[in-house]
Each structure stands twice: as C-alpha cells, then as structure tokens.
Amino acid sequence: MSHGTLEVLLVDAKGLENTDFLSNMDPYAIITCRTQEQKSSVASGKGTTPEWNETFLFTLSDSVSELKIKIMDSDNISEDDFVGEATIPLEPLFMEGSIPPTSYNVVKDQEFCGEIRVGLTFTGQRDRGFSGEEESFGGWKQSIVD
C-alpha cells in the first residue's frame, strides 16, 4: 500500500477540441484522486492551448492506482462543457518517486481530443506499524562502556 503525499503539477494542454463556437473557451481542470477532488483556476480566453502551472497536493492513504483529470470549459450563460478526460496510472510513479512533466492523452467518447502535460511527485511516509528494526522497553537502552 502507498501512503504519502502526491504532488500534481498541472502544466498545460494542447490540441483540445474547442467547445465554444463564437469565442475562445475558458478551460479548467478537475483533478480527482480517489475521493479527493481539486479544481484548477480558469484559463480565461486561452482556448485550446491553456497554461496553468499550478500545483495540487493529495494525501494517499489507501491503494490508489490512477489519477483522473477532467477538463471543462467554463461558461457563464449555460452549464460548463465537458472537454475531455485523462487517466494517469500511478504505479510507475510509486516505483520512480517522480515523473517529470509528461503529456497524457485527453479522451472524450473514446476518441483522442488533445493532450495535457502533468508532472508528478510522490513522497512516501514510513509505515507506522512494527518495523522490526529495534525493540525498546520503556525507553531504556543498555549501553556498553569500555
């Protein structure tokens, strides 16, 4: 099981499908890690190539296998439009510790509709259970004196 902190660096996206017909879209991202959800700022008027350069922290306490990033288009008049979603497997991150900004496919209705660039860092915590390293009894340790 992986316990620790997941740091997500949301860099940018490119090649997104424009959901606004009369103007540039205003994209934002919703990052979901199991039950935790965080939202980026809105890249106003950035259209199909938004830049965020924002960092998000998630606490991992259970076995988490993936991170989902949903890209939405903020609309003032109607409901926000779904642009696409990227699913990022976390297993390589747990083995490496960090993954530099990498492009992941954004998919909508099982079709490619752009890329999102994300950097990941995982900082593990020591398990609080029995480590087997050293036993101590009441805080007393015997020392050997020459």
C-alpha atoms as a PDB file:
ATOM      1  CA  MET A   1       0.000   0.000   0.000  1.00  0.00           C
ATOM      2  CA  SER A   2       1.197   3.504  -0.796  1.00  0.00           C
ATOM      3  CA  HIS A   3       0.907   6.059   1.986  1.00  0.00           C
ATOM      4  CA  GLY A   4       2.158   9.586   1.475  1.00  0.00           C
ATOM      5  CA  THR A   5       1.707  12.800  -0.439  1.00  0.00           C
ATOM      6  CA  LEU A   6       1.048  13.067  -4.158  1.00  0.00           C
ATOM      7  CA  GLU A   7       2.082  16.365  -5.732  1.00  0.00           C
ATOM      8  CA  VAL A   8       0.481  17.092  -9.105  1.00  0.00           C
ATOM      9  CA  LEU A   9       1.956  19.845 -11.285  1.00  0.00           C
ATOM     10  CA  LEU A  10      -0.683  20.790 -13.855  1.00  0.00           C
ATOM     11  CA  VAL A  11       1.367  22.436 -16.613  1.00  0.00           C
ATOM     12  CA  ASP A  12      -0.690  22.950 -19.769  1.00  0.00           C
ATOM     13  CA  ALA A  13      -2.780  21.346 -22.509  1.00  0.00           C
ATOM     14  CA  LYS A  14      -2.776  21.499 -26.291  1.00  0.00           C
ATOM     15  CA  GLY A  15      -4.905  20.388 -29.203  1.00  0.00           C
ATOM     16  CA  LEU A  16      -8.120  20.468 -27.187  1.00  0.00           C
ATOM     17  CA  GLU A  17     -11.419  20.474 -29.019  1.00  0.00           C
ATOM     18  CA  ASN A  18     -12.971  23.952 -28.906  1.00  0.00           C
ATOM     19  CA  THR A  19     -16.429  23.724 -27.348  1.00  0.00           C
ATOM     20  CA  ASP A  20     -17.197  27.443 -27.793  1.00  0.00           C
ATOM     21  CA  PHE A  21     -18.267  28.432 -31.296  1.00  0.00           C
ATOM     22  CA  LEU A  22     -18.199  32.205 -31.001  1.00  0.00           C
ATOM     23  CA  SER A  23     -15.207  32.756 -28.716  1.00  0.00           C
ATOM     24  CA  ASN A  24     -12.197  31.048 -27.153  1.00  0.00           C
ATOM     25  CA  MET A  25     -13.010  28.550 -24.447  1.00  0.00           C
ATOM     26  CA  ASP A  26     -12.134  29.129 -20.810  1.00  0.00           C
ATOM     27  CA  PRO A  27     -10.749  25.731 -19.722  1.00  0.00           C
ATOM     28  CA  TYR A  28     -10.153  24.494 -16.198  1.00  0.00           C
ATOM     29  CA  ALA A  29      -9.258  21.084 -14.802  1.00  0.00           C
ATOM     30  CA  ILE A  30     -10.818  18.937 -12.092  1.00  0.00           C
ATOM     31  CA  ILE A  31      -8.206  16.590 -10.629  1.00  0.00           C
ATOM     32  CA  THR A  32      -9.564  13.528  -8.835  1.00  0.00           C
ATOM     33  CA  CYS A  33      -7.561  11.121  -6.710  1.00  0.00           C
ATOM     34  CA  ARG A  34      -9.966   8.501  -5.359  1.00  0.00           C
ATOM     35  CA  THR A  35     -12.387  10.579  -3.219  1.00  0.00           C
ATOM     36  CA  GLN A  36     -10.339  13.789  -3.160  1.00  0.00           C
ATOM     37  CA  GLU A  37     -11.085  16.422  -5.785  1.00  0.00           C
ATOM     38  CA  GLN A  38      -9.383  19.731  -6.551  1.00  0.00           C
ATOM     39  CA  LYS A  39     -10.091  22.336  -9.204  1.00  0.00           C
ATOM     40  CA  SER A  40      -7.610  24.488 -11.120  1.00  0.00           C
ATOM     41  CA  SER A  41      -8.086  28.126 -11.934  1.00  0.00           C
ATOM     42  CA  VAL A  42      -9.904  29.001 -15.153  1.00  0.00           C
ATOM     43  CA  ALA A  43      -7.532  29.786 -18.053  1.00  0.00           C
ATOM     44  CA  SER A  44      -9.738  32.611 -19.351  1.00  0.00           C
ATOM     45  CA  GLY A  45      -9.711  33.016 -23.122  1.00  0.00           C
ATOM     46  CA  LYS A  46      -6.827  30.553 -23.579  1.00  0.00           C
ATOM     47  CA  GLY A  47      -8.872  28.361 -25.909  1.00  0.00           C
ATOM     48  CA  THR A  48      -7.399  25.036 -26.999  1.00  0.00           C
ATOM     49  CA  THR A  49      -3.919  25.703 -25.524  1.00  0.00           C
ATOM     50  CA  PRO A  50      -4.391  26.630 -21.845  1.00  0.00           C
ATOM     51  CA  GLU A  51      -1.500  27.058 -19.405  1.00  0.00           C
ATOM     52  CA  TRP A  52      -1.971  26.651 -15.668  1.00  0.00           C
ATOM     53  CA  ASN A  53       1.395  25.887 -13.988  1.00  0.00           C
ATOM     54  CA  GLU A  54      -0.405  25.065 -10.730  1.00  0.00           C
ATOM     55  CA  THR A  55       0.484  22.529  -8.052  1.00  0.00           C
ATOM     56  CA  PHE A  56      -2.005  20.385  -6.125  1.00  0.00           C
ATOM     57  CA  LEU A  57      -1.389  18.115  -3.129  1.00  0.00           C
ATOM     58  CA  PHE A  58      -3.270  14.917  -2.340  1.00  0.00           C
ATOM     59  CA  THR A  59      -2.900  12.660   0.693  1.00  0.00           C
ATOM     60  CA  LEU A  60      -2.715   8.989  -0.210  1.00  0.00           C
ATOM     61  CA  SER A  61      -3.818   6.571   2.494  1.00  0.00           C
ATOM     62  CA  ASP A  62      -5.202   3.656   0.509  1.00  0.00           C
ATOM     63  CA  SER A  63      -4.014   1.829  -2.547  1.00  0.00           C
ATOM     64  CA  VAL A  64      -4.650   4.311  -5.355  1.00  0.00           C
ATOM     65  CA  SER A  65      -3.955   3.121  -8.882  1.00  0.00           C
ATOM     66  CA  GLU A  66      -4.797   6.163 -11.011  1.00  0.00           C
ATOM     67  CA  LEU A  67      -5.358   9.893 -11.167  1.00  0.00           C
ATOM     68  CA  LYS A  68      -8.142  11.382 -13.288  1.00  0.00           C
ATOM     69  CA  ILE A  69      -8.047  14.852 -14.793  1.00  0.00           C
ATOM     70  CA  LYS A  70     -11.255  16.134 -16.317  1.00  0.00           C
ATOM     71  CA  ILE A  71     -11.030  19.247 -18.498  1.00  0.00           C
ATOM     72  CA  MET A  72     -14.064  21.517 -18.521  1.00  0.00           C
ATOM     73  CA  ASP A  73     -14.942  24.742 -20.333  1.00  0.00           C
ATOM     74  CA  SER A  74     -16.293  27.427 -18.007  1.00  0.00           C
ATOM     75  CA  ASP A  75     -19.462  29.012 -19.397  1.00  0.00           C
ATOM     76  CA  ASN A  76     -21.250  32.000 -17.877  1.00  0.00           C
ATOM     77  CA  ILE A  77     -24.614  31.501 -19.556  1.00  0.00           C
ATOM     78  CA  SER A  78     -25.044  27.718 -19.709  1.00  0.00           C
ATOM     79  CA  GLU A  79     -23.667  24.684 -17.904  1.00  0.00           C
ATOM     80  CA  ASP A  80     -19.902  24.125 -18.161  1.00  0.00           C
ATOM     81  CA  ASP A  81     -18.955  21.908 -21.119  1.00  0.00           C
ATOM     82  CA  PHE A  82     -17.038  18.634 -20.756  1.00  0.00           C
ATOM     83  CA  VAL A  83     -13.947  18.845 -22.998  1.00  0.00           C
ATOM     84  CA  GLY A  84     -12.277  15.518 -22.214  1.00  0.00           C
ATOM     85  CA  GLU A  85     -10.552  13.418 -19.580  1.00  0.00           C
ATOM     86  CA  ALA A  86      -7.094  11.941 -18.976  1.00  0.00           C
ATOM     87  CA  THR A  87      -6.437   8.898 -16.792  1.00  0.00           C
ATOM     88  CA  ILE A  88      -2.905   8.663 -15.425  1.00  0.00           C
ATOM     89  CA  PRO A  89      -1.658   5.345 -13.977  1.00  0.00           C
ATOM     90  CA  LEU A  90       0.259   5.890 -10.706  1.00  0.00           C
ATOM     91  CA  GLU A  91       2.170   2.595 -10.499  1.00  0.00           C
ATOM     92  CA  PRO A  92       5.223   3.951 -12.430  1.00  0.00           C
ATOM     93  CA  LEU A  93       5.263   6.955 -10.060  1.00  0.00           C
ATOM     94  CA  PHE A  94       5.393   4.737  -6.963  1.00  0.00           C
ATOM     95  CA  MET A  95       8.413   2.922  -8.428  1.00  0.00           C
ATOM     96  CA  GLU A  96      10.272   6.063  -9.616  1.00  0.00           C
ATOM     97  CA  GLY A  97       9.268   8.629  -6.954  1.00  0.00           C
ATOM     98  CA  SER A  98       8.735  11.372  -9.519  1.00  0.00           C
ATOM     99  CA  ILE A  99       7.808  11.759 -13.158  1.00  0.00           C
ATOM    100  CA  PRO A 100       8.783  14.991 -14.970  1.00  0.00           C
ATOM    101  CA  PRO A 101       6.061  16.839 -16.909  1.00  0.00           C
ATOM    102  CA  THR A 102       4.715  14.288 -19.376  1.00  0.00           C
ATOM    103  CA  SER A 103       1.938  14.501 -21.986  1.00  0.00           C
ATOM    104  CA  TYR A 104      -1.122  12.309 -21.497  1.00  0.00           C
ATOM    105  CA  ASN A 105      -3.957  11.772 -23.969  1.00  0.00           C
ATOM    106  CA  VAL A 106      -7.229  13.570 -23.350  1.00  0.00           C
ATOM    107  CA  VAL A 107     -10.156  11.416 -24.444  1.00  0.00           C
ATOM    108  CA  LYS A 108     -13.847  12.108 -24.978  1.00  0.00           C
ATOM    109  CA  ASP A 109     -16.259   9.357 -26.052  1.00  0.00           C
ATOM    110  CA  GLN A 110     -13.244   7.030 -26.549  1.00  0.00           C
ATOM    111  CA  GLU A 111     -11.707   9.421 -29.082  1.00  0.00           C
ATOM    112  CA  PHE A 112      -8.453  11.393 -28.781  1.00  0.00           C
ATOM    113  CA  CYS A 113      -9.159  15.103 -28.331  1.00  0.00           C
ATOM    114  CA  GLY A 114      -5.887  16.652 -27.150  1.00  0.00           C
ATOM    115  CA  GLU A 115      -3.066  16.320 -24.654  1.00  0.00           C
ATOM    116  CA  ILE A 116      -2.458  17.503 -21.110  1.00  0.00           C
ATOM    117  CA  ARG A 117       1.006  17.869 -19.574  1.00  0.00           C
ATOM    118  CA  VAL A 118       1.385  16.872 -15.929  1.00  0.00           C
ATOM    119  CA  GLY A 119       4.343  16.350 -13.592  1.00  0.00           C
ATOM    120  CA  LEU A 120       4.022  14.017 -10.586  1.00  0.00           C
ATOM    121  CA  THR A 121       5.965  13.586  -7.345  1.00  0.00           C
ATOM    122  CA  PHE A 122       5.248  11.029  -4.640  1.00  0.00           C
ATOM    123  CA  THR A 123       6.639  11.397  -1.119  1.00  0.00           C
ATOM    124  CA  GLY A 124       6.081   8.210   0.852  1.00  0.00           C
ATOM    125  CA  GLN A 125       5.564   8.038   4.593  1.00  0.00           C
ATOM    126  CA  ARG A 126       7.034   5.352   6.774  1.00  0.00           C
ATOM    127  CA  ASP A 127       4.552   2.750   7.871  1.00  0.00           C
ATOM    128  CA  ARG A 128       3.608   3.325  11.493  1.00  0.00           C
ATOM    129  CA  GLY A 129       3.311  -0.389  12.186  1.00  0.00           C
ATOM    130  CA  PHE A 130       6.004  -2.724  13.506  1.00  0.00           C
ATOM    131  CA  SER A 131       9.227  -2.136  11.620  1.00  0.00           C
ATOM    132  CA  GLY A 132      11.292  -4.890  13.203  1.00  0.00           C
ATOM    133  CA  GLU A 133      14.376  -2.649  13.346  1.00  0.00           C
ATOM    134  CA  GLU A 134      14.862  -2.196  17.072  1.00  0.00           C
ATOM    135  CA  GLU A 135      12.967  -3.112  20.191  1.00  0.00           C
ATOM    136  CA  SER A 136      12.814  -0.769  23.127  1.00  0.00           C
ATOM    137  CA  PHE A 137      11.316  -1.424  26.511  1.00  0.00           C
ATOM    138  CA  GLY A 138      10.054   1.648  28.333  1.00  0.00           C
ATOM    139  CA  GLY A 139      12.590   3.915  26.654  1.00  0.00           C
ATOM    140  CA  TRP A 140      15.565   2.237  28.442  1.00  0.00           C
ATOM    141  CA  LYS A 141      18.501   1.056  26.366  1.00  0.00           C
ATOM    142  CA  GLN A 142      21.595  -0.655  27.701  1.00  0.00           C
ATOM    143  CA  SER A 143      24.882   0.952  26.735  1.00  0.00           C
ATOM    144  CA  ILE A 144      28.268  -0.660  26.655  1.00  0.00           C
ATOM    145  CA  VAL A 145      31.051   1.326  28.335  1.00  0.00           C
ATOM    146  CA  ASP A 146      34.728   0.461  27.794  1.00  0.00           C
END
